[in-house]
Protein backbone atom coordinates (compact mmCIF):
# COMPACT_ATOMS: atom_id res chain seq x y z
CA UNK A 1 35.99 -38.39 5.80
CA UNK A 2 38.72 -40.85 4.97
CA UNK A 3 42.31 -40.50 6.13
CA UNK A 4 44.60 -38.69 3.67
CA UNK A 5 48.19 -39.94 3.71
CA UNK A 6 50.62 -37.20 2.66
CA UNK A 7 54.21 -36.15 2.98
CA UNK A 8 55.34 -33.35 5.35
CA UNK A 9 56.01 -31.22 2.22
CA UNK A 10 52.39 -31.71 1.00
CA UNK A 11 51.04 -31.01 4.43
CA UNK A 12 53.14 -27.80 4.66
CA UNK A 13 51.87 -26.68 1.26
CA UNK A 14 48.18 -27.05 2.47
CA UNK A 15 48.87 -25.03 5.62
CA UNK A 16 50.64 -22.28 3.50
CA UNK A 17 47.55 -22.19 1.13
CA UNK A 18 45.11 -21.98 3.94
CA UNK A 19 47.09 -19.15 5.61
CA UNK A 20 47.28 -17.27 2.23
CA UNK A 21 43.55 -17.58 1.60
CA UNK A 22 42.66 -16.56 5.13
CA UNK A 23 45.08 -13.73 5.47
CA UNK A 24 45.08 -12.22 1.97
CA UNK A 25 42.17 -13.41 -0.11
CA UNK A 26 39.47 -13.22 2.55
CA UNK A 27 40.29 -9.52 3.42
CA UNK A 28 40.42 -8.63 -0.33
CA UNK A 29 36.96 -10.10 -0.95
CA UNK A 30 35.61 -8.40 2.20
CA UNK A 31 36.86 -5.10 0.84
CA UNK A 32 35.08 -5.82 -2.59
CA UNK A 33 31.82 -6.45 -0.77
CA UNK A 34 32.24 -3.21 1.27
CA UNK A 35 32.94 -1.23 -1.88
CA UNK A 36 30.11 -2.66 -3.73
CA UNK A 37 27.75 -2.07 -0.73
CA UNK A 38 28.81 1.56 -0.69
CA UNK A 39 27.53 1.96 -4.25
CA UNK A 40 23.99 1.86 -3.09
CA UNK A 41 21.03 -0.38 -4.08
CA UNK A 42 22.05 -4.04 -3.54
CA UNK A 43 19.05 -5.51 -5.32
CA UNK A 44 20.58 -4.67 -8.69
CA UNK A 45 24.22 -4.53 -7.81
CA UNK A 46 26.11 -7.17 -9.96
CA UNK A 47 29.49 -6.18 -8.34
CA UNK A 48 27.98 -7.03 -4.90
CA UNK A 49 26.52 -10.35 -6.14
CA UNK A 50 29.84 -11.35 -7.73
CA UNK A 51 31.81 -10.53 -4.59
CA UNK A 52 29.40 -12.42 -2.36
CA UNK A 53 29.57 -15.38 -4.76
CA UNK A 54 33.44 -15.26 -4.72
CA UNK A 55 33.29 -15.11 -0.87
CA UNK A 56 31.17 -18.31 -0.88
CA UNK A 57 33.56 -20.08 -3.16
CA UNK A 58 36.61 -18.95 -1.13
CA UNK A 59 34.98 -20.07 2.21
CA UNK A 60 34.11 -23.47 0.73
CA UNK A 61 37.73 -23.86 -0.45
CA UNK A 62 39.09 -22.91 2.95
CA UNK A 63 36.71 -25.45 4.60
CA UNK A 64 37.81 -28.20 2.16
CA UNK A 65 41.43 -27.58 2.78
CA UNK A 66 40.98 -27.46 6.62
CA UNK A 67 39.16 -30.77 6.31
CA UNK A 68 42.04 -32.24 4.39
CA UNK A 69 44.49 -31.15 7.01
CA UNK A 70 42.29 -32.50 9.83
CA UNK A 71 42.26 -35.92 8.23
CA UNK A 72 45.96 -35.87 7.17
CA UNK A 73 48.34 -38.60 8.39
CA UNK A 74 51.96 -37.89 7.70
CA UNK A 75 54.01 -40.59 6.07
CA UNK A 76 57.20 -41.51 7.73
CA UNK A 77 59.55 -41.47 4.74
CA UNK A 78 62.17 -43.43 6.65
CA UNK A 79 59.78 -46.44 6.68
CA UNK A 80 59.16 -46.69 3.02
CA UNK A 81 60.33 -49.73 1.22
CA UNK A 82 61.17 -50.39 -2.37
CA UNK A 83 60.48 -54.18 -2.18
CA UNK A 84 57.14 -53.57 -3.84
CA UNK A 85 55.28 -50.38 -5.10
CA UNK A 86 53.74 -48.32 -2.40
CA UNK A 87 52.91 -44.72 -1.74
CA UNK A 88 55.89 -42.30 -2.08
CA UNK A 89 57.74 -44.68 -4.40
CA UNK A 90 59.23 -43.47 -7.75
CA UNK A 91 58.29 -46.18 -10.19
CA UNK A 92 59.99 -46.58 -13.55
CA UNK A 93 57.60 -48.30 -15.99
CA UNK A 94 57.67 -49.60 -19.49
CA UNK A 95 54.54 -49.83 -21.58
CA UNK A 96 54.69 -53.47 -22.97
CA UNK A 97 52.78 -52.49 -26.10
CA UNK A 98 55.06 -49.72 -27.43
CA UNK A 99 58.15 -49.95 -25.06
CA UNK A 100 57.66 -46.32 -23.99
CA UNK A 101 59.21 -45.73 -20.58
CA UNK A 102 57.74 -43.38 -17.95
CA UNK A 103 58.50 -42.53 -14.34
CA UNK A 104 55.83 -41.78 -11.81
CA UNK A 105 55.86 -41.00 -8.11
CA UNK A 106 52.88 -42.36 -6.24
CA UNK A 107 51.43 -39.73 -3.86
CA UNK A 108 48.22 -38.90 -2.04
CA UNK A 109 45.28 -37.43 -3.95
CA UNK A 110 45.97 -33.99 -2.61
CA UNK A 111 49.60 -34.00 -3.81
CA UNK A 112 48.92 -35.38 -7.32
CA UNK A 113 50.44 -33.24 -10.11
CA UNK A 114 50.84 -34.99 -13.41
CA UNK A 115 53.15 -32.22 -14.79
CA UNK A 116 55.65 -33.20 -12.02
CA UNK A 117 55.05 -36.94 -12.61
CA UNK A 118 53.13 -37.37 -9.34
CA UNK A 119 50.06 -39.54 -9.59
CA UNK A 120 47.53 -40.40 -6.88
CA UNK A 121 47.49 -43.82 -5.40
CA UNK A 122 43.69 -43.91 -5.85
CA UNK A 123 43.79 -43.51 -9.66
CA UNK A 124 43.47 -46.62 -11.79
CA UNK A 125 47.20 -46.61 -12.65
CA UNK A 126 48.18 -45.96 -9.00
CA UNK A 127 45.86 -48.81 -7.72
CA UNK A 128 47.17 -51.07 -10.52
CA UNK A 129 50.80 -50.53 -9.47
CA UNK A 130 50.38 -50.88 -5.68
CA UNK A 131 52.03 -54.05 -4.37
CA UNK A 132 53.68 -54.99 -7.62
CA UNK A 133 57.49 -55.90 -7.63
CA UNK A 134 60.24 -55.20 -10.14
CA UNK A 135 59.81 -57.36 -13.31
CA UNK A 136 56.06 -57.82 -12.69
CA UNK A 137 53.53 -56.51 -15.25
CA UNK A 138 50.56 -54.48 -14.00
CA UNK A 139 47.43 -55.00 -16.15
CA UNK A 140 45.50 -51.67 -15.78
CA UNK A 141 41.99 -51.06 -17.12
CA UNK A 142 41.84 -47.49 -18.36
CA UNK A 143 39.13 -45.89 -20.50
CA UNK A 144 40.94 -46.66 -23.72
CA UNK A 145 41.27 -50.33 -22.82
CA UNK A 146 43.93 -52.38 -21.00
CA UNK A 147 47.31 -51.04 -20.26
CA UNK A 148 50.19 -53.45 -19.55
CA UNK A 149 52.99 -51.73 -17.57
CA UNK A 150 56.16 -53.56 -16.66
CA UNK A 151 57.77 -52.42 -13.40
CA UNK A 152 61.36 -51.69 -14.34
CA UNK A 153 62.51 -50.00 -11.02
CA UNK A 154 61.21 -48.93 -7.67
CA UNK A 155 63.02 -46.20 -5.80
CA UNK A 156 62.43 -43.53 -3.23
């Protein structure tokens, strides 16, 4: 698995989620399975089947998160530069076509959250912005065509 770069905050959120899933969700599903098993015949017990399926999904999620944690490399936020766009930069952009301004922070895939303006560096827009300097125009191929975004500001 590839290395996942992330902030200390993102790493801590993953650890919290794993702890929650293991300490609260896992025992709750185990109880559901036990209750369904106590109801008798398992061959036609929909509750038992549903609980076992939920358990499988939960265990897969826990394994996925633990894998992310095992490949995580924390980013030293003191070493982040604003000379050109890189991970952890807050980038102010202007769409050349309609003059609309937007601000995104480039983060790792596991920390991406569009509602908070955090986009992953491995998305088309993220890849198109990496390495660009203030004043440059990033030409980004998106499903709807070509997006021309001017880099207005780079900050942390």
